[in-house]
N, C-alpha and C. Protein backbone atom coordinates (compact mmCIF):
# COMPACT_ATOMS: atom_id res chain seq x y z
N MET A 1 132.00 70.19 101.11
CA MET A 1 131.73 70.97 102.30
C MET A 1 132.99 71.06 103.15
N LYS A 2 133.30 72.24 103.64
CA LYS A 2 134.51 72.45 104.43
C LYS A 2 134.40 71.76 105.76
N LYS A 3 135.40 70.97 106.10
CA LYS A 3 135.40 70.26 107.36
C LYS A 3 135.84 71.18 108.50
N SER A 4 135.21 71.02 109.66
CA SER A 4 135.63 71.80 110.83
C SER A 4 136.86 71.17 111.44
N SER A 5 137.69 72.01 112.10
CA SER A 5 138.91 71.53 112.74
C SER A 5 138.55 70.70 113.95
N PRO A 6 139.29 69.62 114.21
CA PRO A 6 139.00 68.81 115.38
C PRO A 6 139.27 69.57 116.66
N PRO A 7 138.52 69.29 117.74
CA PRO A 7 138.77 69.98 119.01
C PRO A 7 140.12 69.61 119.56
N PRO A 8 140.75 70.50 120.38
CA PRO A 8 142.05 70.19 120.94
C PRO A 8 141.95 68.98 121.87
N ALA A 9 143.05 68.22 121.97
CA ALA A 9 143.08 67.05 122.83
C ALA A 9 142.84 67.46 124.27
N ALA A 10 142.21 66.57 125.03
CA ALA A 10 141.90 66.87 126.42
C ALA A 10 143.17 67.19 127.19
N GLY A 11 143.08 68.24 128.01
CA GLY A 11 144.21 68.61 128.84
C GLY A 11 145.22 69.51 128.16
N LYS A 12 145.04 69.75 126.86
CA LYS A 12 145.98 70.61 126.13
C LYS A 12 145.28 71.88 125.70
N PRO A 13 145.87 73.07 126.00
CA PRO A 13 145.26 74.33 125.58
C PRO A 13 145.37 74.48 124.08
N PRO A 14 144.43 75.20 123.46
CA PRO A 14 144.51 75.42 122.01
C PRO A 14 145.77 76.18 121.65
N ARG A 15 146.33 75.85 120.53
CA ARG A 15 147.58 76.50 120.09
C ARG A 15 147.32 77.95 119.70
N LYS A 16 148.21 78.82 120.12
CA LYS A 16 148.12 80.23 119.76
C LYS A 16 148.88 80.46 118.47
N PRO A 17 148.41 81.38 117.63
CA PRO A 17 149.16 81.68 116.40
C PRO A 17 150.51 82.24 116.76
N PRO A 18 151.55 81.92 116.00
CA PRO A 18 152.89 82.41 116.31
C PRO A 18 152.96 83.93 116.20
N THR A 19 153.79 84.52 117.03
CA THR A 19 154.00 85.97 116.96
C THR A 19 154.81 86.31 115.72
N LYS A 20 154.38 87.30 115.01
CA LYS A 20 155.10 87.72 113.82
C LYS A 20 156.50 88.19 114.18
N PRO A 21 157.54 87.70 113.49
CA PRO A 21 158.90 88.13 113.83
C PRO A 21 159.03 89.65 113.78
N GLY A 22 159.75 90.18 114.77
CA GLY A 22 159.98 91.62 114.78
C GLY A 22 158.90 92.41 115.46
N THR A 23 157.89 91.73 116.07
CA THR A 23 156.85 92.45 116.79
C THR A 23 156.85 92.01 118.24
N ARG A 24 156.29 92.87 119.10
CA ARG A 24 156.17 92.52 120.50
C ARG A 24 154.91 91.68 120.71
N PRO A 25 154.99 90.61 121.53
CA PRO A 25 153.78 89.84 121.83
C PRO A 25 152.70 90.75 122.39
N GLY A 26 151.46 90.61 121.85
CA GLY A 26 150.35 91.40 122.35
C GLY A 26 150.38 92.85 121.93
N SER A 27 151.24 93.20 120.97
CA SER A 27 151.36 94.60 120.55
C SER A 27 151.38 94.69 119.04
N LYS A 28 150.84 95.79 118.50
CA LYS A 28 150.89 96.03 117.07
C LYS A 28 152.16 96.77 116.68
N LEU A 29 152.92 97.25 117.66
CA LEU A 29 154.13 97.99 117.36
C LEU A 29 155.28 97.03 117.04
N PRO A 30 156.17 97.42 116.14
CA PRO A 30 157.31 96.55 115.81
C PRO A 30 158.30 96.49 116.96
N GLY A 31 158.98 95.35 117.10
CA GLY A 31 160.03 95.24 118.09
C GLY A 31 161.32 95.87 117.61
N GLU A 32 161.38 96.13 116.31
CA GLU A 32 162.56 96.79 115.75
C GLU A 32 162.17 97.45 114.43
N VAL A 33 162.95 98.44 114.04
CA VAL A 33 162.80 99.06 112.73
C VAL A 33 164.17 99.03 112.05
N ARG A 34 164.17 99.20 110.76
CA ARG A 34 165.42 99.15 110.00
C ARG A 34 165.68 100.48 109.31
N LEU A 35 166.94 100.86 109.24
CA LEU A 35 167.30 102.02 108.43
C LEU A 35 167.16 101.63 106.96
N ILE A 36 166.69 102.57 106.17
CA ILE A 36 166.28 102.26 104.80
C ILE A 36 167.39 102.50 103.78
N GLY A 37 168.21 103.52 103.99
CA GLY A 37 169.21 103.84 102.98
C GLY A 37 170.50 104.38 103.54
N GLY A 38 171.46 104.59 102.65
CA GLY A 38 172.71 105.21 103.05
C GLY A 38 173.74 104.24 103.60
N LEU A 39 174.68 104.77 104.36
CA LEU A 39 175.83 104.02 104.87
C LEU A 39 175.42 102.83 105.73
N TRP A 40 174.37 103.01 106.53
CA TRP A 40 173.95 101.96 107.48
C TRP A 40 172.64 101.31 107.06
N LYS A 41 172.40 101.21 105.79
CA LYS A 41 171.18 100.59 105.27
C LYS A 41 171.00 99.20 105.86
N ARG A 42 169.78 98.88 106.27
CA ARG A 42 169.35 97.61 106.87
C ARG A 42 169.78 97.45 108.33
N THR A 43 170.42 98.44 108.91
CA THR A 43 170.73 98.37 110.34
C THR A 43 169.44 98.36 111.15
N LYS A 44 169.37 97.47 112.12
CA LYS A 44 168.17 97.35 112.95
C LYS A 44 168.28 98.25 114.19
N LEU A 45 167.17 98.90 114.52
CA LEU A 45 167.07 99.70 115.74
C LEU A 45 165.96 99.09 116.61
N SER A 46 166.30 98.80 117.86
CA SER A 46 165.31 98.23 118.77
C SER A 46 164.27 99.27 119.15
N VAL A 47 163.04 98.83 119.32
CA VAL A 47 161.95 99.69 119.77
C VAL A 47 161.61 99.30 121.20
N ALA A 48 161.94 100.16 122.15
CA ALA A 48 161.68 99.88 123.56
C ALA A 48 160.19 99.85 123.83
N ASP A 49 159.80 99.05 124.80
CA ASP A 49 158.38 98.94 125.17
C ASP A 49 158.03 100.10 126.10
N LYS A 50 157.84 101.27 125.50
CA LYS A 50 157.57 102.50 126.25
C LYS A 50 156.24 103.09 125.82
N GLU A 51 155.46 103.52 126.78
CA GLU A 51 154.18 104.15 126.47
C GLU A 51 154.41 105.43 125.66
N GLY A 52 153.67 105.57 124.58
CA GLY A 52 153.78 106.76 123.75
C GLY A 52 154.85 106.67 122.67
N LEU A 53 155.73 105.65 122.74
CA LEU A 53 156.76 105.49 121.72
C LEU A 53 156.14 104.88 120.48
N ARG A 54 156.28 105.59 119.36
CA ARG A 54 155.61 105.18 118.13
C ARG A 54 156.55 105.51 116.97
N PRO A 55 157.42 104.56 116.61
CA PRO A 55 158.39 104.84 115.55
C PRO A 55 157.71 105.15 114.22
N THR A 56 158.30 106.03 113.45
CA THR A 56 157.77 106.36 112.13
C THR A 56 157.74 105.10 111.27
N PRO A 57 156.58 104.75 110.70
CA PRO A 57 156.49 103.54 109.87
C PRO A 57 157.49 103.57 108.71
N ASP A 58 157.97 102.38 108.35
CA ASP A 58 158.97 102.29 107.28
C ASP A 58 158.49 102.97 106.00
N ARG A 59 157.24 102.72 105.65
CA ARG A 59 156.71 103.30 104.39
C ARG A 59 156.77 104.83 104.43
N VAL A 60 156.39 105.40 105.57
CA VAL A 60 156.39 106.85 105.71
C VAL A 60 157.82 107.39 105.68
N ARG A 61 158.72 106.69 106.37
CA ARG A 61 160.11 107.15 106.42
C ARG A 61 160.76 107.09 105.03
N GLU A 62 160.45 106.03 104.29
CA GLU A 62 160.97 105.92 102.93
C GLU A 62 160.47 107.07 102.06
N THR A 63 159.17 107.38 102.17
CA THR A 63 158.60 108.48 101.40
C THR A 63 159.23 109.81 101.80
N LEU A 64 159.40 110.02 103.10
CA LEU A 64 159.99 111.26 103.58
C LEU A 64 161.36 111.50 102.97
N PHE A 65 162.22 110.48 102.97
CA PHE A 65 163.57 110.68 102.45
C PHE A 65 163.61 110.71 100.92
N ASN A 66 162.58 110.20 100.28
CA ASN A 66 162.43 110.46 98.84
C ASN A 66 162.12 111.93 98.62
N TRP A 67 161.25 112.49 99.46
CA TRP A 67 160.93 113.91 99.37
C TRP A 67 162.16 114.77 99.59
N LEU A 68 162.98 114.39 100.56
CA LEU A 68 164.16 115.19 100.90
C LEU A 68 165.29 115.04 99.89
N GLY A 69 165.22 114.00 99.07
CA GLY A 69 166.21 113.87 98.01
C GLY A 69 167.29 112.86 98.25
N GLN A 70 167.15 111.96 99.22
CA GLN A 70 168.07 110.86 99.49
C GLN A 70 169.42 111.28 100.07
N ASP A 71 170.13 112.17 99.38
CA ASP A 71 171.47 112.56 99.80
C ASP A 71 171.39 113.82 100.68
N LEU A 72 171.76 113.69 101.94
CA LEU A 72 171.71 114.82 102.87
C LEU A 72 173.11 115.32 103.23
N THR A 73 174.05 115.10 102.35
CA THR A 73 175.44 115.49 102.61
C THR A 73 175.53 116.97 102.98
N GLY A 74 176.16 117.23 104.14
CA GLY A 74 176.39 118.60 104.59
C GLY A 74 175.22 119.21 105.35
N TRP A 75 174.11 118.50 105.50
CA TRP A 75 172.93 119.06 106.16
C TRP A 75 173.09 119.01 107.68
N ARG A 76 172.40 119.92 108.35
CA ARG A 76 172.30 119.93 109.81
C ARG A 76 170.85 119.65 110.20
N CYS A 77 170.67 118.67 111.08
CA CYS A 77 169.34 118.19 111.41
C CYS A 77 169.17 118.12 112.93
N VAL A 78 167.94 118.29 113.38
CA VAL A 78 167.61 118.07 114.78
C VAL A 78 166.37 117.20 114.86
N ASP A 79 166.49 116.12 115.63
CA ASP A 79 165.38 115.21 115.88
C ASP A 79 164.90 115.53 117.30
N VAL A 80 163.82 116.30 117.39
CA VAL A 80 163.45 116.95 118.66
C VAL A 80 162.91 115.96 119.68
N PHE A 81 162.18 114.97 119.23
CA PHE A 81 161.63 113.94 120.12
C PHE A 81 162.13 112.61 119.58
N ALA A 82 163.38 112.28 119.84
CA ALA A 82 164.10 111.27 119.06
C ALA A 82 163.55 109.86 119.20
N GLY A 83 163.13 109.45 120.39
CA GLY A 83 162.59 108.09 120.55
C GLY A 83 163.60 107.03 120.16
N THR A 84 163.30 106.25 119.12
CA THR A 84 164.21 105.21 118.64
C THR A 84 165.41 105.79 117.89
N GLY A 85 165.30 107.04 117.45
CA GLY A 85 166.37 107.65 116.67
C GLY A 85 166.31 107.33 115.19
N ALA A 86 165.20 106.73 114.73
CA ALA A 86 165.13 106.30 113.33
C ALA A 86 165.33 107.46 112.35
N LEU A 87 164.70 108.59 112.62
CA LEU A 87 164.83 109.73 111.70
C LEU A 87 166.23 110.33 111.74
N GLY A 88 166.79 110.45 112.94
CA GLY A 88 168.13 111.02 113.07
C GLY A 88 169.20 110.14 112.49
N PHE A 89 169.16 108.84 112.81
CA PHE A 89 170.17 107.93 112.27
C PHE A 89 170.02 107.77 110.76
N GLU A 90 168.80 107.82 110.26
CA GLU A 90 168.59 107.77 108.81
C GLU A 90 169.25 108.98 108.15
N SER A 91 169.15 110.14 108.78
CA SER A 91 169.78 111.35 108.23
C SER A 91 171.29 111.24 108.22
N ALA A 92 171.86 110.75 109.33
CA ALA A 92 173.31 110.59 109.40
C ALA A 92 173.80 109.55 108.41
N SER A 93 173.00 108.49 108.23
CA SER A 93 173.36 107.45 107.27
C SER A 93 173.45 108.00 105.86
N ARG A 94 172.68 109.07 105.59
CA ARG A 94 172.63 109.65 104.25
C ARG A 94 173.52 110.89 104.10
N GLY A 95 174.43 111.10 105.07
CA GLY A 95 175.46 112.12 104.88
C GLY A 95 175.32 113.39 105.67
N ALA A 96 174.30 113.52 106.53
CA ALA A 96 174.16 114.75 107.32
C ALA A 96 175.42 114.98 108.15
N ILE A 97 175.87 116.21 108.19
CA ILE A 97 177.10 116.55 108.89
C ILE A 97 176.90 116.74 110.38
N GLU A 98 175.66 117.03 110.78
CA GLU A 98 175.34 117.23 112.19
C GLU A 98 173.90 116.77 112.44
N VAL A 99 173.75 115.86 113.41
CA VAL A 99 172.42 115.38 113.79
C VAL A 99 172.31 115.47 115.31
N LEU A 100 171.47 116.37 115.77
CA LEU A 100 171.24 116.53 117.20
C LEU A 100 169.98 115.76 117.58
N MET A 101 170.12 114.78 118.47
CA MET A 101 168.99 113.98 118.93
C MET A 101 168.64 114.38 120.35
N LEU A 102 167.39 114.76 120.56
CA LEU A 102 166.92 115.21 121.87
C LEU A 102 165.89 114.21 122.40
N GLU A 103 166.10 113.78 123.63
CA GLU A 103 165.20 112.79 124.22
C GLU A 103 165.23 112.94 125.74
N ASN A 104 164.07 112.84 126.36
CA ASN A 104 163.96 113.06 127.81
C ASN A 104 164.02 111.76 128.62
N ASP A 105 163.67 110.64 128.01
CA ASP A 105 163.61 109.38 128.72
C ASP A 105 165.01 108.77 128.86
N PRO A 106 165.48 108.48 130.08
CA PRO A 106 166.85 108.00 130.26
C PRO A 106 167.12 106.65 129.59
N VAL A 107 166.11 105.78 129.56
CA VAL A 107 166.29 104.48 128.91
C VAL A 107 166.50 104.66 127.41
N LEU A 108 165.70 105.53 126.80
CA LEU A 108 165.84 105.78 125.36
C LEU A 108 167.14 106.51 125.05
N VAL A 109 167.55 107.42 125.92
CA VAL A 109 168.83 108.11 125.73
C VAL A 109 169.98 107.11 125.73
N ALA A 110 169.97 106.19 126.68
CA ALA A 110 171.02 105.18 126.75
C ALA A 110 171.04 104.31 125.49
N GLN A 111 169.86 104.00 124.98
CA GLN A 111 169.77 103.20 123.76
C GLN A 111 170.30 103.97 122.56
N LEU A 112 169.99 105.26 122.47
CA LEU A 112 170.50 106.09 121.37
C LEU A 112 172.02 106.17 121.40
N ILE A 113 172.57 106.35 122.59
CA ILE A 113 174.03 106.43 122.73
C ILE A 113 174.68 105.10 122.33
N LYS A 114 174.06 104.01 122.73
CA LYS A 114 174.59 102.69 122.39
C LYS A 114 174.64 102.50 120.88
N VAL A 115 173.57 102.86 120.18
CA VAL A 115 173.54 102.72 118.72
C VAL A 115 174.55 103.66 118.08
N ARG A 116 174.60 104.90 118.56
CA ARG A 116 175.57 105.85 118.00
C ARG A 116 177.00 105.32 118.10
N ASP A 117 177.34 104.78 119.28
CA ASP A 117 178.70 104.27 119.48
C ASP A 117 178.97 103.04 118.62
N LYS A 118 177.96 102.17 118.49
CA LYS A 118 178.12 100.98 117.67
C LYS A 118 178.38 101.34 116.22
N LEU A 119 177.65 102.34 115.72
CA LEU A 119 177.81 102.77 114.33
C LEU A 119 179.01 103.71 114.13
N GLN A 120 179.59 104.15 115.23
CA GLN A 120 180.66 105.17 115.18
C GLN A 120 180.18 106.39 114.39
N ALA A 121 178.98 106.81 114.75
CA ALA A 121 178.32 107.91 114.04
C ALA A 121 178.79 109.25 114.62
N ALA A 122 179.90 109.74 114.11
CA ALA A 122 180.51 110.95 114.65
C ALA A 122 179.63 112.18 114.48
N ALA A 123 178.75 112.17 113.50
CA ALA A 123 177.88 113.33 113.25
C ALA A 123 176.74 113.44 114.26
N VAL A 124 176.50 112.37 115.00
CA VAL A 124 175.33 112.31 115.89
C VAL A 124 175.71 112.77 117.30
N ARG A 125 174.90 113.68 117.84
CA ARG A 125 175.05 114.12 119.23
C ARG A 125 173.73 113.88 119.94
N VAL A 126 173.79 113.16 121.06
CA VAL A 126 172.59 112.82 121.83
C VAL A 126 172.56 113.65 123.09
N GLU A 127 171.43 114.32 123.33
CA GLU A 127 171.26 115.12 124.55
C GLU A 127 170.00 114.67 125.28
N ARG A 128 170.13 114.48 126.59
CA ARG A 128 168.94 114.20 127.38
C ARG A 128 168.36 115.53 127.87
N GLY A 129 167.08 115.71 127.69
CA GLY A 129 166.42 116.92 128.16
C GLY A 129 165.12 117.17 127.43
N ASP A 130 164.52 118.29 127.73
CA ASP A 130 163.26 118.71 127.13
C ASP A 130 163.54 119.19 125.71
N GLY A 131 163.06 118.43 124.72
CA GLY A 131 163.34 118.77 123.33
C GLY A 131 162.83 120.13 122.94
N LEU A 132 161.68 120.51 123.45
CA LEU A 132 161.10 121.80 123.10
C LEU A 132 161.95 122.95 123.63
N VAL A 133 162.46 122.80 124.86
CA VAL A 133 163.32 123.84 125.44
C VAL A 133 164.59 124.02 124.60
N VAL A 134 165.21 122.92 124.22
CA VAL A 134 166.44 122.99 123.41
C VAL A 134 166.14 123.56 122.04
N LEU A 135 165.03 123.14 121.44
CA LEU A 135 164.65 123.66 120.12
C LEU A 135 164.53 125.17 120.14
N ARG A 136 163.94 125.70 121.19
CA ARG A 136 163.78 127.16 121.30
C ARG A 136 165.09 127.89 121.45
N ARG A 137 166.13 127.19 121.89
CA ARG A 137 167.43 127.82 122.10
C ARG A 137 168.34 127.75 120.88
N LEU A 138 167.94 126.96 119.89
CA LEU A 138 168.78 126.84 118.69
C LEU A 138 168.83 128.16 117.94
N GLY A 139 169.94 128.38 117.26
CA GLY A 139 170.08 129.60 116.49
C GLY A 139 169.05 129.72 115.39
N ALA A 140 168.59 130.92 115.12
CA ALA A 140 167.61 131.15 114.07
C ALA A 140 168.18 130.72 112.72
N GLY A 141 167.42 129.93 111.98
CA GLY A 141 167.84 129.48 110.66
C GLY A 141 169.03 128.54 110.66
N SER A 142 169.27 127.85 111.78
CA SER A 142 170.49 127.05 111.90
C SER A 142 170.34 125.61 111.40
N MET A 143 169.13 125.15 111.13
CA MET A 143 168.92 123.75 110.78
C MET A 143 168.34 123.59 109.38
N ASN A 144 168.86 122.61 108.66
CA ASN A 144 168.31 122.29 107.34
C ASN A 144 167.03 121.47 107.44
N VAL A 145 166.95 120.62 108.49
CA VAL A 145 165.74 119.84 108.74
C VAL A 145 165.46 119.81 110.23
N VAL A 146 164.21 120.05 110.59
CA VAL A 146 163.74 119.87 111.96
C VAL A 146 162.70 118.76 111.93
N PHE A 147 162.97 117.67 112.65
CA PHE A 147 162.04 116.55 112.74
C PHE A 147 161.19 116.71 114.00
N LEU A 148 159.88 116.75 113.82
CA LEU A 148 158.94 116.87 114.94
C LEU A 148 158.01 115.65 114.92
N ASP A 149 158.22 114.76 115.88
CA ASP A 149 157.39 113.56 115.98
C ASP A 149 157.13 113.26 117.45
N PRO A 150 156.44 114.15 118.15
CA PRO A 150 156.16 113.91 119.57
C PRO A 150 155.06 112.86 119.75
N PRO A 151 154.91 112.33 120.98
CA PRO A 151 153.77 111.43 121.23
C PRO A 151 152.46 112.11 120.85
N PHE A 152 151.57 111.36 120.24
CA PHE A 152 150.34 111.94 119.72
C PHE A 152 149.46 112.56 120.80
N ASP A 153 149.56 112.07 122.03
CA ASP A 153 148.71 112.60 123.09
C ASP A 153 149.44 113.62 123.97
N SER A 154 150.57 114.14 123.48
CA SER A 154 151.40 115.01 124.32
C SER A 154 150.95 116.46 124.34
N GLY A 155 150.23 116.91 123.31
CA GLY A 155 149.85 118.32 123.25
C GLY A 155 151.00 119.25 122.96
N LEU A 156 152.10 118.73 122.40
CA LEU A 156 153.29 119.54 122.16
C LEU A 156 153.33 120.17 120.77
N PHE A 157 152.42 119.80 119.92
CA PHE A 157 152.50 120.22 118.52
C PHE A 157 152.44 121.73 118.35
N ASP A 158 151.46 122.36 118.97
CA ASP A 158 151.26 123.80 118.76
C ASP A 158 152.41 124.62 119.33
N ALA A 159 153.09 124.12 120.34
CA ALA A 159 154.25 124.82 120.89
C ALA A 159 155.51 124.56 120.07
N ALA A 160 155.63 123.35 119.52
CA ALA A 160 156.85 122.98 118.80
C ALA A 160 156.94 123.62 117.41
N LEU A 161 155.80 123.79 116.74
CA LEU A 161 155.83 124.31 115.37
C LEU A 161 156.43 125.71 115.27
N PRO A 162 156.03 126.69 116.12
CA PRO A 162 156.64 128.01 116.02
C PRO A 162 158.14 127.99 116.30
N ALA A 163 158.56 127.15 117.24
CA ALA A 163 159.99 127.05 117.54
C ALA A 163 160.75 126.45 116.36
N ALA A 164 160.14 125.47 115.70
CA ALA A 164 160.77 124.86 114.53
C ALA A 164 160.85 125.86 113.38
N ALA A 165 159.79 126.66 113.20
CA ALA A 165 159.77 127.66 112.13
C ALA A 165 160.90 128.68 112.30
N ARG A 166 161.25 128.95 113.54
CA ARG A 166 162.36 129.88 113.80
C ARG A 166 163.72 129.22 113.55
N ALA A 167 163.84 127.95 113.92
CA ALA A 167 165.14 127.28 113.86
C ALA A 167 165.52 126.82 112.46
N VAL A 168 164.53 126.61 111.58
CA VAL A 168 164.83 126.06 110.25
C VAL A 168 165.35 127.14 109.32
N ALA A 169 166.28 126.74 108.45
CA ALA A 169 166.84 127.67 107.46
C ALA A 169 165.77 128.07 106.44
N ALA A 170 166.02 129.17 105.76
CA ALA A 170 165.04 129.70 104.80
C ALA A 170 164.71 128.68 103.71
N ASP A 171 165.70 127.86 103.32
CA ASP A 171 165.47 126.86 102.28
C ASP A 171 165.37 125.46 102.87
N GLY A 172 165.15 125.38 104.19
CA GLY A 172 165.10 124.08 104.86
C GLY A 172 163.70 123.51 104.95
N PHE A 173 163.57 122.44 105.74
CA PHE A 173 162.32 121.70 105.85
C PHE A 173 161.99 121.41 107.31
N ILE A 174 160.71 121.35 107.60
CA ILE A 174 160.22 120.83 108.87
C ILE A 174 159.38 119.59 108.56
N TYR A 175 159.74 118.49 109.20
CA TYR A 175 158.92 117.29 109.07
C TYR A 175 158.05 117.18 110.31
N LEU A 176 156.75 117.14 110.12
CA LEU A 176 155.79 117.06 111.20
C LEU A 176 154.96 115.80 111.06
N GLU A 177 154.98 114.97 112.11
CA GLU A 177 154.14 113.78 112.14
C GLU A 177 153.11 113.97 113.23
N ALA A 178 151.83 113.96 112.86
CA ALA A 178 150.78 114.36 113.79
C ALA A 178 149.56 113.46 113.64
N PRO A 179 148.63 113.50 114.62
CA PRO A 179 147.42 112.69 114.54
C PRO A 179 146.33 113.30 113.68
N ARG A 180 146.60 114.46 113.09
CA ARG A 180 145.62 115.10 112.21
C ARG A 180 146.36 115.92 111.16
N LYS A 181 145.62 116.31 110.12
CA LYS A 181 146.20 117.15 109.08
C LYS A 181 146.09 118.61 109.50
N TYR A 182 147.21 119.33 109.39
CA TYR A 182 147.19 120.77 109.69
C TYR A 182 146.69 121.54 108.48
N LYS A 183 145.81 122.49 108.73
CA LYS A 183 145.20 123.26 107.66
C LYS A 183 146.14 124.35 107.16
N ASP A 184 145.90 124.77 105.92
CA ASP A 184 146.76 125.78 105.31
C ASP A 184 146.79 127.07 106.11
N ASP A 185 145.63 127.50 106.62
CA ASP A 185 145.61 128.76 107.34
C ASP A 185 146.35 128.67 108.68
N GLU A 186 146.34 127.49 109.32
CA GLU A 186 147.10 127.28 110.54
C GLU A 186 148.60 127.42 110.27
N LEU A 187 149.02 126.85 109.16
CA LEU A 187 150.44 126.90 108.81
C LEU A 187 150.86 128.30 108.39
N LEU A 188 150.03 128.97 107.59
CA LEU A 188 150.37 130.32 107.14
C LEU A 188 150.53 131.28 108.31
N ALA A 189 149.76 131.08 109.37
CA ALA A 189 149.87 131.93 110.56
C ALA A 189 151.24 131.80 111.22
N LEU A 190 151.92 130.69 110.94
CA LEU A 190 153.26 130.45 111.49
C LEU A 190 154.36 130.74 110.46
N GLY A 191 153.97 131.23 109.29
CA GLY A 191 154.94 131.48 108.24
C GLY A 191 155.38 130.22 107.53
N LEU A 192 154.50 129.20 107.48
CA LEU A 192 154.84 127.92 106.88
C LEU A 192 153.83 127.53 105.81
N VAL A 193 154.28 126.69 104.89
CA VAL A 193 153.37 126.12 103.88
C VAL A 193 153.65 124.62 103.77
N ALA A 194 152.64 123.88 103.38
CA ALA A 194 152.80 122.44 103.17
C ALA A 194 153.47 122.19 101.83
N HIS A 195 154.61 121.50 101.87
CA HIS A 195 155.36 121.17 100.66
C HIS A 195 154.94 119.78 100.14
N ARG A 196 154.76 118.84 101.07
CA ARG A 196 154.29 117.49 100.76
C ARG A 196 153.41 117.02 101.92
N TYR A 197 152.55 116.05 101.62
CA TYR A 197 151.67 115.51 102.66
C TYR A 197 151.34 114.06 102.34
N LEU A 198 151.25 113.24 103.39
CA LEU A 198 150.91 111.83 103.25
C LEU A 198 150.13 111.39 104.47
N LYS A 199 149.09 110.59 104.24
CA LYS A 199 148.38 109.95 105.34
C LYS A 199 148.56 108.46 105.22
N ALA A 200 149.02 107.84 106.32
CA ALA A 200 149.21 106.40 106.37
C ALA A 200 148.64 105.90 107.69
N GLY A 201 147.44 105.33 107.64
CA GLY A 201 146.78 104.92 108.87
C GLY A 201 146.45 106.13 109.72
N ALA A 202 146.89 106.10 110.98
CA ALA A 202 146.64 107.22 111.89
C ALA A 202 147.67 108.33 111.75
N VAL A 203 148.68 108.12 110.92
CA VAL A 203 149.79 109.08 110.79
C VAL A 203 149.50 110.09 109.69
N HIS A 204 149.60 111.38 110.04
CA HIS A 204 149.55 112.46 109.06
C HIS A 204 150.95 113.07 108.98
N ALA A 205 151.62 112.78 107.86
CA ALA A 205 153.00 113.22 107.66
C ALA A 205 153.01 114.49 106.81
N HIS A 206 153.59 115.56 107.36
CA HIS A 206 153.69 116.83 106.67
C HIS A 206 155.15 117.20 106.45
N LEU A 207 155.49 117.60 105.26
CA LEU A 207 156.79 118.23 105.02
C LEU A 207 156.52 119.69 104.73
N LEU A 208 157.03 120.56 105.61
CA LEU A 208 156.71 121.98 105.59
C LEU A 208 157.92 122.82 105.18
N ARG A 209 157.64 124.00 104.62
CA ARG A 209 158.68 124.96 104.29
C ARG A 209 158.26 126.34 104.76
N ARG A 210 159.23 127.21 104.92
CA ARG A 210 158.94 128.58 105.29
C ARG A 210 158.41 129.35 104.09
N THR A 211 157.55 130.32 104.38
CA THR A 211 157.01 131.13 103.29
C THR A 211 158.02 132.17 102.81
N ALA A 212 158.95 132.53 103.69
CA ALA A 212 159.96 133.54 103.31
C ALA A 212 161.22 133.31 104.10
């Protein structure tokens, strides 16, 4: 018969289980994420304790860059809601020639600049501002990849997708991370089709392409 654990000694509170390394106390979000491949493989990126900040899970990010083909040499990318910068720095690590990171939060912008300078990532440009406004101003067909990963409760998805469809090159990709799966007819109305799709927990990861 299994013995019960003895009660804690008088005057001493029960021991709490240790916090898993790399996570914030009292939070399911990681305290840091790592770049998966390329020049800066295994580089750690801090995850600030910000409401709505939800870094792309490692498993999803690994799958995404398998879809994209690992080597992004010569590509131009925009990370519209950059957050930790995991998607943008991963792209630069794999050879992208231009990575534009857009972020509105000043604390996150400062963190992105700090990481960029530490890595001496010449291809990376960080801009503070409204990512959707900047996305709409980009040249038509100017980007090989548009990363769209806004906060799930932001309501920005329906506005960002048409702007991304305009900015992406004819043979390029849009990566969309959303709280639900987008239907084929919704995408076709924007001139887009689903190229790949993955669900991991609450994350619905879409890799989209233009129909023409």
